[in-house]
Amino acid sequence: MAKKIVLAEDEPQIARLIEFKLRKEGYQVTWKENGEEALVAIKEEKPDLILLDVMMPVMDGYEVLRQIKEDENLKSIPVIMLTARAQERDVVKGIDLGAQDYITKPFHPAELLVQVKRILAKSR
């Protein structure tokens, strides 16, 4: 059975690229354009992994991450932050809130795939 990934990304070009690369590798991807929609999808689907942008409309990625990690049914789902917010305090905040990894934009899709595979292999 394909691993499920929820992708929370408000930039359609980036989201389509990530979605294409992940589907090509056999992953099932649900893409949401804002944090609130992403949180609903995460609660409904209970994915194997979450790719989470920080700067999104309605609810930012940090708030989504905080709510995930406070929810007993969701807190064990690994999260990779994928964002243009690259200052040290941003990275520290993401990791402190419970993200397993923090990848800054621009990124190389091949590197993202390696991290996705690594984290999913650990969470089996």
N, C-alpha and C. Protein backbone atom coordinates (compact mmCIF):
# COMPACT_ATOMS: atom_id res chain seq x y z
N MET A 1 0.84 -1.19 0.00
CA MET A 1 0.00 0.00 0.00
C MET A 1 0.88 1.25 0.00
N ALA A 2 0.50 2.23 -0.83
CA ALA A 2 1.29 3.46 -0.96
C ALA A 2 1.25 4.27 0.33
N LYS A 3 2.39 4.84 0.66
CA LYS A 3 2.45 5.73 1.82
C LYS A 3 1.72 7.03 1.49
N LYS A 4 0.98 7.56 2.46
CA LYS A 4 0.21 8.78 2.27
C LYS A 4 0.98 9.98 2.79
N ILE A 5 0.99 11.04 1.98
CA ILE A 5 1.66 12.28 2.35
C ILE A 5 0.68 13.43 2.16
N VAL A 6 0.57 14.29 3.17
CA VAL A 6 -0.17 15.53 3.02
C VAL A 6 0.85 16.63 2.78
N LEU A 7 0.65 17.36 1.69
CA LEU A 7 1.51 18.47 1.31
C LEU A 7 0.75 19.77 1.53
N ALA A 8 1.24 20.62 2.41
CA ALA A 8 0.64 21.93 2.67
C ALA A 8 1.56 22.98 2.07
N GLU A 9 1.14 23.54 0.93
CA GLU A 9 1.98 24.47 0.17
C GLU A 9 1.07 25.42 -0.60
N ASP A 10 1.26 26.73 -0.43
CA ASP A 10 0.38 27.69 -1.09
C ASP A 10 0.88 28.15 -2.45
N GLU A 11 2.05 27.76 -2.87
CA GLU A 11 2.57 28.12 -4.19
C GLU A 11 2.33 26.97 -5.16
N PRO A 12 1.38 27.13 -6.08
CA PRO A 12 0.99 26.03 -6.97
C PRO A 12 2.13 25.41 -7.77
N GLN A 13 3.07 26.22 -8.26
CA GLN A 13 4.17 25.66 -9.05
C GLN A 13 5.04 24.73 -8.22
N ILE A 14 5.33 25.13 -7.01
CA ILE A 14 6.14 24.30 -6.12
C ILE A 14 5.36 23.05 -5.74
N ALA A 15 4.09 23.22 -5.41
CA ALA A 15 3.26 22.08 -5.00
C ALA A 15 3.15 21.06 -6.13
N ARG A 16 2.93 21.52 -7.35
CA ARG A 16 2.80 20.59 -8.48
C ARG A 16 4.11 19.82 -8.71
N LEU A 17 5.25 20.51 -8.58
CA LEU A 17 6.54 19.85 -8.75
C LEU A 17 6.73 18.77 -7.68
N ILE A 18 6.48 19.12 -6.43
CA ILE A 18 6.64 18.16 -5.33
C ILE A 18 5.67 16.98 -5.51
N GLU A 19 4.43 17.30 -5.81
CA GLU A 19 3.42 16.27 -5.99
C GLU A 19 3.81 15.31 -7.12
N PHE A 20 4.28 15.85 -8.24
CA PHE A 20 4.71 15.03 -9.38
C PHE A 20 5.85 14.09 -8.97
N LYS A 21 6.86 14.64 -8.30
CA LYS A 21 8.02 13.84 -7.89
C LYS A 21 7.61 12.74 -6.91
N LEU A 22 6.75 13.06 -5.96
CA LEU A 22 6.33 12.07 -4.96
C LEU A 22 5.47 10.98 -5.58
N ARG A 23 4.54 11.36 -6.45
CA ARG A 23 3.69 10.36 -7.11
C ARG A 23 4.52 9.44 -8.00
N LYS A 24 5.52 10.01 -8.64
CA LYS A 24 6.42 9.22 -9.50
C LYS A 24 7.14 8.14 -8.68
N GLU A 25 7.36 8.42 -7.39
CA GLU A 25 8.01 7.47 -6.50
C GLU A 25 7.00 6.52 -5.83
N GLY A 26 5.73 6.68 -6.16
CA GLY A 26 4.72 5.76 -5.66
C GLY A 26 3.96 6.22 -4.43
N TYR A 27 4.15 7.46 -4.02
CA TYR A 27 3.45 7.97 -2.85
C TYR A 27 2.07 8.51 -3.24
N GLN A 28 1.14 8.41 -2.31
CA GLN A 28 -0.19 9.01 -2.47
C GLN A 28 -0.12 10.39 -1.84
N VAL A 29 -0.46 11.44 -2.61
CA VAL A 29 -0.28 12.81 -2.14
C VAL A 29 -1.61 13.56 -2.12
N THR A 30 -1.85 14.24 -1.01
CA THR A 30 -2.98 15.16 -0.89
C THR A 30 -2.39 16.55 -0.71
N TRP A 31 -2.73 17.46 -1.63
CA TRP A 31 -2.19 18.82 -1.59
C TRP A 31 -3.25 19.79 -1.10
N LYS A 32 -2.89 20.61 -0.11
CA LYS A 32 -3.75 21.65 0.40
C LYS A 32 -3.01 22.98 0.37
N GLU A 33 -3.76 24.06 0.04
CA GLU A 33 -3.13 25.36 -0.17
C GLU A 33 -3.11 26.28 1.05
N ASN A 34 -3.73 25.88 2.14
CA ASN A 34 -3.63 26.70 3.35
C ASN A 34 -3.57 25.79 4.58
N GLY A 35 -3.15 26.37 5.68
CA GLY A 35 -2.94 25.57 6.88
C GLY A 35 -4.20 24.96 7.45
N GLU A 36 -5.30 25.67 7.39
CA GLU A 36 -6.55 25.15 7.94
C GLU A 36 -7.02 23.92 7.15
N GLU A 37 -6.99 24.00 5.81
CA GLU A 37 -7.38 22.86 4.98
C GLU A 37 -6.43 21.69 5.20
N ALA A 38 -5.15 22.00 5.35
CA ALA A 38 -4.16 20.94 5.59
C ALA A 38 -4.45 20.22 6.90
N LEU A 39 -4.78 20.96 7.95
CA LEU A 39 -5.06 20.35 9.24
C LEU A 39 -6.29 19.44 9.16
N VAL A 40 -7.31 19.86 8.44
CA VAL A 40 -8.50 19.02 8.24
C VAL A 40 -8.11 17.73 7.52
N ALA A 41 -7.32 17.85 6.45
CA ALA A 41 -6.89 16.66 5.69
C ALA A 41 -6.05 15.73 6.55
N ILE A 42 -5.19 16.30 7.38
CA ILE A 42 -4.33 15.50 8.25
C ILE A 42 -5.18 14.71 9.25
N LYS A 43 -6.17 15.37 9.82
CA LYS A 43 -7.05 14.69 10.78
C LYS A 43 -7.87 13.58 10.12
N GLU A 44 -8.32 13.82 8.89
CA GLU A 44 -9.13 12.83 8.18
C GLU A 44 -8.30 11.66 7.67
N GLU A 45 -7.13 11.96 7.10
CA GLU A 45 -6.35 10.94 6.41
C GLU A 45 -5.31 10.25 7.28
N LYS A 46 -4.89 10.90 8.35
CA LYS A 46 -3.81 10.37 9.19
C LYS A 46 -2.66 9.86 8.30
N PRO A 47 -2.00 10.78 7.60
CA PRO A 47 -0.96 10.39 6.64
C PRO A 47 0.27 9.81 7.33
N ASP A 48 1.15 9.24 6.53
CA ASP A 48 2.42 8.69 7.03
C ASP A 48 3.46 9.79 7.20
N LEU A 49 3.26 10.92 6.50
CA LEU A 49 4.22 12.03 6.53
C LEU A 49 3.49 13.31 6.14
N ILE A 50 3.96 14.44 6.70
CA ILE A 50 3.42 15.75 6.36
C ILE A 50 4.56 16.63 5.87
N LEU A 51 4.37 17.26 4.71
CA LEU A 51 5.29 18.28 4.21
C LEU A 51 4.59 19.61 4.41
N LEU A 52 5.20 20.50 5.18
CA LEU A 52 4.49 21.67 5.70
C LEU A 52 5.25 22.96 5.45
N ASP A 53 4.65 23.83 4.63
CA ASP A 53 5.18 25.17 4.43
C ASP A 53 4.88 25.99 5.68
N VAL A 54 5.64 27.05 5.90
CA VAL A 54 5.38 27.91 7.06
C VAL A 54 4.44 29.05 6.68
N MET A 55 4.78 29.78 5.63
CA MET A 55 4.01 30.97 5.26
C MET A 55 2.86 30.58 4.34
N MET A 56 1.69 30.38 4.96
CA MET A 56 0.48 30.01 4.22
C MET A 56 -0.68 30.86 4.71
N PRO A 57 -1.69 31.02 3.85
CA PRO A 57 -2.87 31.77 4.29
C PRO A 57 -3.69 31.00 5.33
N VAL A 58 -4.55 31.70 6.01
CA VAL A 58 -5.51 31.22 7.00
C VAL A 58 -4.82 30.78 8.30
N MET A 59 -3.90 29.82 8.21
CA MET A 59 -3.17 29.33 9.40
C MET A 59 -1.75 29.00 8.95
N ASP A 60 -0.75 29.56 9.64
CA ASP A 60 0.63 29.28 9.21
C ASP A 60 1.08 27.88 9.65
N GLY A 61 2.18 27.46 9.06
CA GLY A 61 2.69 26.12 9.31
C GLY A 61 3.09 25.85 10.75
N TYR A 62 3.58 26.87 11.44
CA TYR A 62 3.95 26.67 12.84
C TYR A 62 2.71 26.33 13.68
N GLU A 63 1.60 27.01 13.41
CA GLU A 63 0.37 26.74 14.15
C GLU A 63 -0.17 25.35 13.81
N VAL A 64 -0.08 24.98 12.53
CA VAL A 64 -0.50 23.62 12.13
C VAL A 64 0.34 22.59 12.88
N LEU A 65 1.65 22.80 12.89
CA LEU A 65 2.56 21.87 13.57
C LEU A 65 2.25 21.79 15.07
N ARG A 66 2.02 22.94 15.69
CA ARG A 66 1.70 22.96 17.12
C ARG A 66 0.45 22.13 17.39
N GLN A 67 -0.57 22.31 16.58
CA GLN A 67 -1.82 21.56 16.79
C GLN A 67 -1.64 20.07 16.54
N ILE A 68 -0.84 19.71 15.55
CA ILE A 68 -0.56 18.30 15.28
C ILE A 68 0.10 17.66 16.50
N LYS A 69 1.11 18.31 17.03
CA LYS A 69 1.89 17.73 18.12
C LYS A 69 1.13 17.73 19.45
N GLU A 70 0.06 18.52 19.55
CA GLU A 70 -0.78 18.50 20.76
C GLU A 70 -1.89 17.47 20.68
N ASP A 71 -2.10 16.88 19.51
CA ASP A 71 -3.18 15.93 19.29
C ASP A 71 -2.65 14.50 19.44
N GLU A 72 -3.19 13.77 20.41
CA GLU A 72 -2.73 12.39 20.68
C GLU A 72 -2.80 11.49 19.45
N ASN A 73 -3.78 11.71 18.58
CA ASN A 73 -3.96 10.88 17.40
C ASN A 73 -3.03 11.25 16.25
N LEU A 74 -2.40 12.42 16.33
CA LEU A 74 -1.58 12.91 15.22
C LEU A 74 -0.11 13.11 15.55
N LYS A 75 0.20 13.23 16.84
CA LYS A 75 1.54 13.69 17.22
C LYS A 75 2.69 12.79 16.77
N SER A 76 2.41 11.54 16.46
CA SER A 76 3.49 10.65 16.02
C SER A 76 3.76 10.74 14.51
N ILE A 77 2.94 11.49 13.78
CA ILE A 77 3.16 11.64 12.34
C ILE A 77 4.37 12.54 12.11
N PRO A 78 5.37 12.06 11.35
CA PRO A 78 6.54 12.90 11.10
C PRO A 78 6.21 14.08 10.19
N VAL A 79 6.88 15.20 10.46
CA VAL A 79 6.66 16.43 9.71
C VAL A 79 7.99 16.96 9.20
N ILE A 80 8.01 17.32 7.91
CA ILE A 80 9.14 18.03 7.33
C ILE A 80 8.66 19.43 7.00
N MET A 81 9.29 20.43 7.58
CA MET A 81 8.99 21.82 7.23
C MET A 81 9.72 22.10 5.92
N LEU A 82 9.03 22.76 5.01
CA LEU A 82 9.57 23.07 3.69
C LEU A 82 9.22 24.52 3.41
N THR A 83 10.19 25.41 3.60
CA THR A 83 9.85 26.83 3.66
C THR A 83 10.99 27.74 3.23
N ALA A 84 10.63 28.96 2.86
CA ALA A 84 11.61 29.99 2.54
C ALA A 84 12.14 30.66 3.81
N ARG A 85 11.52 30.41 4.94
CA ARG A 85 11.97 30.99 6.21
C ARG A 85 13.23 30.26 6.67
N ALA A 86 14.38 30.89 6.41
CA ALA A 86 15.65 30.19 6.60
C ALA A 86 16.52 30.75 7.73
N GLN A 87 16.02 31.72 8.48
CA GLN A 87 16.83 32.24 9.57
C GLN A 87 16.92 31.21 10.69
N GLU A 88 18.00 31.28 11.44
CA GLU A 88 18.24 30.32 12.51
C GLU A 88 17.05 30.20 13.46
N ARG A 89 16.47 31.33 13.84
CA ARG A 89 15.33 31.28 14.78
C ARG A 89 14.14 30.54 14.19
N ASP A 90 13.96 30.63 12.86
CA ASP A 90 12.85 29.92 12.21
C ASP A 90 13.08 28.42 12.25
N VAL A 91 14.30 28.01 11.93
CA VAL A 91 14.65 26.58 11.95
C VAL A 91 14.49 26.04 13.37
N VAL A 92 15.03 26.76 14.35
CA VAL A 92 14.95 26.33 15.74
C VAL A 92 13.48 26.22 16.18
N LYS A 93 12.66 27.18 15.78
CA LYS A 93 11.24 27.13 16.15
C LYS A 93 10.57 25.89 15.58
N GLY A 94 10.84 25.58 14.30
CA GLY A 94 10.24 24.40 13.68
C GLY A 94 10.66 23.11 14.35
N ILE A 95 11.93 22.99 14.65
CA ILE A 95 12.44 21.78 15.31
C ILE A 95 11.91 21.70 16.74
N ASP A 96 11.89 22.83 17.45
CA ASP A 96 11.36 22.85 18.82
C ASP A 96 9.89 22.45 18.88
N LEU A 97 9.13 22.81 17.85
CA LEU A 97 7.71 22.45 17.81
C LEU A 97 7.49 20.99 17.45
N GLY A 98 8.56 20.32 16.98
CA GLY A 98 8.43 18.89 16.73
C GLY A 98 8.68 18.40 15.32
N ALA A 99 9.11 19.28 14.43
CA ALA A 99 9.41 18.85 13.06
C ALA A 99 10.63 17.92 13.06
N GLN A 100 10.59 16.88 12.22
CA GLN A 100 11.72 15.96 12.11
C GLN A 100 12.83 16.55 11.24
N ASP A 101 12.46 17.44 10.32
CA ASP A 101 13.45 18.06 9.44
C ASP A 101 12.94 19.43 9.03
N TYR A 102 13.86 20.27 8.55
CA TYR A 102 13.53 21.63 8.15
C TYR A 102 14.32 21.91 6.89
N ILE A 103 13.63 21.94 5.76
CA ILE A 103 14.28 22.15 4.46
C ILE A 103 13.90 23.53 3.96
N THR A 104 14.91 24.30 3.54
CA THR A 104 14.64 25.66 3.09
C THR A 104 14.58 25.74 1.56
N LYS A 105 13.73 26.65 1.09
CA LYS A 105 13.60 26.92 -0.34
C LYS A 105 14.65 27.96 -0.72
N PRO A 106 15.19 27.89 -1.90
CA PRO A 106 14.96 26.86 -2.91
C PRO A 106 15.60 25.54 -2.49
N PHE A 107 15.02 24.46 -2.93
CA PHE A 107 15.53 23.13 -2.58
C PHE A 107 15.64 22.31 -3.86
N HIS A 108 16.37 21.22 -3.77
CA HIS A 108 16.49 20.29 -4.89
C HIS A 108 15.51 19.14 -4.64
N PRO A 109 14.62 18.87 -5.60
CA PRO A 109 13.64 17.79 -5.41
C PRO A 109 14.27 16.45 -5.03
N ALA A 110 15.44 16.13 -5.58
CA ALA A 110 16.10 14.86 -5.25
C ALA A 110 16.46 14.81 -3.77
N GLU A 111 16.90 15.93 -3.21
CA GLU A 111 17.24 15.98 -1.78
C GLU A 111 15.99 15.81 -0.92
N LEU A 112 14.90 16.42 -1.35
CA LEU A 112 13.64 16.26 -0.62
C LEU A 112 13.22 14.80 -0.61
N LEU A 113 13.32 14.13 -1.75
CA LEU A 113 12.95 12.71 -1.83
C LEU A 113 13.79 11.85 -0.91
N VAL A 114 15.08 12.16 -0.83
CA VAL A 114 15.96 11.40 0.07
C VAL A 114 15.48 11.56 1.51
N GLN A 115 15.14 12.77 1.91
CA GLN A 115 14.68 13.01 3.28
C GLN A 115 13.33 12.34 3.53
N VAL A 116 12.43 12.40 2.56
CA VAL A 116 11.14 11.74 2.70
C VAL A 116 11.34 10.25 2.92
N LYS A 117 12.16 9.63 2.09
CA LYS A 117 12.42 8.19 2.20
C LYS A 117 13.08 7.84 3.54
N ARG A 118 14.03 8.68 3.97
CA ARG A 118 14.73 8.44 5.23
C ARG A 118 13.76 8.49 6.41
N ILE A 119 12.93 9.50 6.44
CA ILE A 119 12.01 9.65 7.56
C ILE A 119 10.94 8.57 7.55
N LEU A 120 10.42 8.23 6.38
CA LEU A 120 9.42 7.17 6.31
C LEU A 120 10.01 5.81 6.69
N ALA A 121 11.26 5.58 6.36
CA ALA A 121 11.92 4.31 6.74
C ALA A 121 12.05 4.22 8.26
N LYS A 122 12.33 5.35 8.92
CA LYS A 122 12.46 5.37 10.39
C LYS A 122 11.13 5.16 11.09
N SER A 123 10.04 5.61 10.46
CA SER A 123 8.75 5.61 11.15
C SER A 123 7.97 4.30 10.97
N ARG A 124 8.57 3.29 10.39
CA ARG A 124 7.87 2.02 10.18
C ARG A 124 7.63 1.30 11.47
